């Protein structure tokens, strides 16, 4: 299960299909250095997304 505290790099390792979901929501910088240190919650805040909505999509 993906949580809002997880680092983006951890999410991508745990669920490779997350790339398509996150990029579809406008998170195009998944390969950038900050993605290796940024939590999902922080990334959602930066991109103006609801972390709860993103979690719902990631945890289907």
N, C-alpha and C. Protein backbone atom coordinates (compact mmCIF):
# COMPACT_ATOMS: atom_id res chain seq x y z
N UNK A 1 0.83 -1.18 0.00
CA UNK A 1 0.00 0.00 0.00
C UNK A 1 0.88 1.25 0.00
N UNK A 2 0.55 2.20 -0.86
CA UNK A 2 1.28 3.45 -0.98
C UNK A 2 0.74 4.43 0.07
N UNK A 3 1.65 5.14 0.73
CA UNK A 3 1.24 6.15 1.72
C UNK A 3 1.79 7.51 1.31
N UNK A 4 1.23 8.57 1.89
CA UNK A 4 1.66 9.92 1.53
C UNK A 4 3.06 10.24 2.04
N UNK A 5 3.54 9.48 3.01
CA UNK A 5 4.88 9.71 3.55
C UNK A 5 5.98 9.08 2.71
N UNK A 6 5.61 8.17 1.81
CA UNK A 6 6.61 7.47 1.00
C UNK A 6 7.31 8.42 0.04
N UNK A 7 8.60 8.18 -0.16
CA UNK A 7 9.40 8.94 -1.11
C UNK A 7 9.03 8.47 -2.52
N UNK A 8 9.03 9.39 -3.47
CA UNK A 8 8.63 9.04 -4.83
C UNK A 8 9.45 7.87 -5.39
N UNK A 9 10.75 7.86 -5.11
CA UNK A 9 11.58 6.75 -5.58
C UNK A 9 11.12 5.41 -5.03
N UNK A 10 10.70 5.38 -3.77
CA UNK A 10 10.19 4.15 -3.17
C UNK A 10 8.90 3.70 -3.85
N UNK A 11 8.06 4.67 -4.16
CA UNK A 11 6.78 4.35 -4.81
C UNK A 11 7.03 3.75 -6.18
N UNK A 12 7.95 4.33 -6.93
CA UNK A 12 8.23 3.83 -8.28
C UNK A 12 8.83 2.43 -8.24
N UNK A 13 9.60 2.13 -7.22
CA UNK A 13 10.14 0.77 -7.08
C UNK A 13 9.06 -0.22 -6.69
N UNK A 14 8.20 0.19 -5.77
CA UNK A 14 7.16 -0.70 -5.26
C UNK A 14 6.06 -0.95 -6.28
N UNK A 15 5.80 0.05 -7.13
CA UNK A 15 4.70 -0.06 -8.09
C UNK A 15 5.12 0.60 -9.39
N UNK A 16 5.75 -0.14 -10.29
CA UNK A 16 6.22 0.44 -11.56
C UNK A 16 5.12 1.14 -12.36
N UNK A 17 3.88 0.70 -12.24
CA UNK A 17 2.78 1.34 -12.95
C UNK A 17 2.46 2.74 -12.45
N UNK A 18 3.07 3.12 -11.33
CA UNK A 18 2.83 4.45 -10.77
C UNK A 18 3.36 5.55 -11.68
N UNK A 19 4.35 5.24 -12.49
CA UNK A 19 4.91 6.23 -13.42
C UNK A 19 3.81 6.79 -14.31
N UNK A 20 3.05 5.90 -14.91
CA UNK A 20 1.98 6.32 -15.82
C UNK A 20 0.94 7.16 -15.09
N UNK A 21 0.59 6.75 -13.89
CA UNK A 21 -0.42 7.47 -13.11
C UNK A 21 0.08 8.86 -12.74
N UNK A 22 1.30 8.94 -12.20
CA UNK A 22 1.84 10.22 -11.76
C UNK A 22 2.09 11.17 -12.93
N UNK A 23 2.61 10.65 -14.03
CA UNK A 23 2.83 11.50 -15.20
C UNK A 23 1.50 11.98 -15.78
N UNK A 24 0.49 11.15 -15.71
CA UNK A 24 -0.83 11.55 -16.17
C UNK A 24 -1.43 12.68 -15.34
N UNK A 25 -0.92 12.84 -14.13
CA UNK A 25 -1.38 13.91 -13.24
C UNK A 25 -0.50 15.15 -13.32
N UNK A 26 0.52 15.09 -14.19
CA UNK A 26 1.39 16.25 -14.39
C UNK A 26 2.72 16.21 -13.67
N UNK A 27 3.03 15.10 -13.04
CA UNK A 27 4.34 14.97 -12.37
C UNK A 27 5.34 14.39 -13.37
N UNK A 28 5.96 15.28 -14.14
CA UNK A 28 6.87 14.84 -15.21
C UNK A 28 8.31 14.70 -14.75
N UNK A 29 8.67 15.21 -13.60
CA UNK A 29 10.05 15.19 -13.14
C UNK A 29 10.39 14.01 -12.26
N UNK A 30 9.84 12.85 -12.55
CA UNK A 30 10.06 11.69 -11.69
C UNK A 30 11.51 11.21 -11.68
N UNK A 31 12.27 11.56 -12.69
CA UNK A 31 13.67 11.15 -12.74
C UNK A 31 14.62 12.19 -12.16
N UNK A 32 14.09 13.32 -11.74
CA UNK A 32 14.97 14.38 -11.23
C UNK A 32 15.46 14.04 -9.82
N UNK A 33 16.60 14.60 -9.44
CA UNK A 33 17.17 14.28 -8.13
C UNK A 33 16.23 14.53 -6.95
N UNK A 34 15.39 15.55 -7.02
CA UNK A 34 14.51 15.83 -5.88
C UNK A 34 13.47 14.73 -5.70
N UNK A 35 13.13 14.01 -6.76
CA UNK A 35 12.15 12.93 -6.64
C UNK A 35 12.68 11.80 -5.76
N UNK A 36 13.98 11.69 -5.66
CA UNK A 36 14.58 10.64 -4.83
C UNK A 36 14.50 10.99 -3.34
N UNK A 37 14.18 12.27 -3.04
CA UNK A 37 14.14 12.71 -1.65
C UNK A 37 12.79 13.28 -1.24
N UNK A 38 11.87 13.42 -2.19
CA UNK A 38 10.60 14.10 -1.94
C UNK A 38 9.49 13.10 -1.65
N UNK A 39 8.71 13.39 -0.63
CA UNK A 39 7.58 12.51 -0.31
C UNK A 39 6.45 12.75 -1.30
N UNK A 40 5.53 11.81 -1.38
CA UNK A 40 4.37 11.98 -2.24
C UNK A 40 3.57 13.20 -1.81
N UNK A 41 3.44 13.38 -0.50
CA UNK A 41 2.69 14.52 0.01
C UNK A 41 3.33 15.84 -0.44
N UNK A 42 4.65 15.94 -0.35
CA UNK A 42 5.35 17.16 -0.78
C UNK A 42 5.20 17.37 -2.28
N UNK A 43 5.33 16.31 -3.05
CA UNK A 43 5.21 16.41 -4.51
C UNK A 43 3.81 16.87 -4.90
N UNK A 44 2.80 16.36 -4.23
CA UNK A 44 1.42 16.77 -4.52
C UNK A 44 1.22 18.25 -4.19
N UNK A 45 1.80 18.69 -3.09
CA UNK A 45 1.68 20.09 -2.70
C UNK A 45 2.32 20.99 -3.77
N UNK A 46 3.50 20.62 -4.23
CA UNK A 46 4.22 21.41 -5.23
C UNK A 46 3.42 21.47 -6.54
N UNK A 47 2.75 20.38 -6.88
CA UNK A 47 2.02 20.30 -8.15
C UNK A 47 0.54 20.70 -8.01
N UNK A 48 0.13 21.11 -6.83
CA UNK A 48 -1.24 21.55 -6.63
C UNK A 48 -2.26 20.43 -6.72
N UNK A 49 -1.86 19.24 -6.30
CA UNK A 49 -2.74 18.07 -6.36
C UNK A 49 -3.18 17.66 -4.96
N UNK A 50 -4.33 17.04 -4.88
CA UNK A 50 -4.82 16.49 -3.62
C UNK A 50 -4.12 15.16 -3.37
N UNK A 51 -3.41 15.06 -2.27
CA UNK A 51 -2.69 13.83 -1.96
C UNK A 51 -3.67 12.66 -1.79
N UNK A 52 -4.84 12.93 -1.26
CA UNK A 52 -5.83 11.87 -1.07
C UNK A 52 -6.32 11.32 -2.41
N UNK A 53 -6.52 12.21 -3.39
CA UNK A 53 -6.95 11.76 -4.72
C UNK A 53 -5.85 10.97 -5.42
N UNK A 54 -4.62 11.42 -5.27
CA UNK A 54 -3.49 10.71 -5.88
C UNK A 54 -3.33 9.34 -5.24
N UNK A 55 -3.43 9.28 -3.92
CA UNK A 55 -3.34 7.99 -3.22
C UNK A 55 -4.43 7.03 -3.67
N UNK A 56 -5.62 7.53 -3.87
CA UNK A 56 -6.72 6.68 -4.31
C UNK A 56 -6.40 6.04 -5.66
N UNK A 57 -5.78 6.81 -6.55
CA UNK A 57 -5.41 6.28 -7.88
C UNK A 57 -4.26 5.29 -7.78
N UNK A 58 -3.28 5.58 -6.93
CA UNK A 58 -2.11 4.71 -6.79
C UNK A 58 -2.44 3.40 -6.11
N UNK A 59 -3.42 3.41 -5.23
CA UNK A 59 -3.74 2.21 -4.46
C UNK A 59 -4.90 1.40 -5.02
N UNK A 60 -5.25 1.61 -6.27
CA UNK A 60 -6.31 0.81 -6.89
C UNK A 60 -5.87 -0.63 -7.04
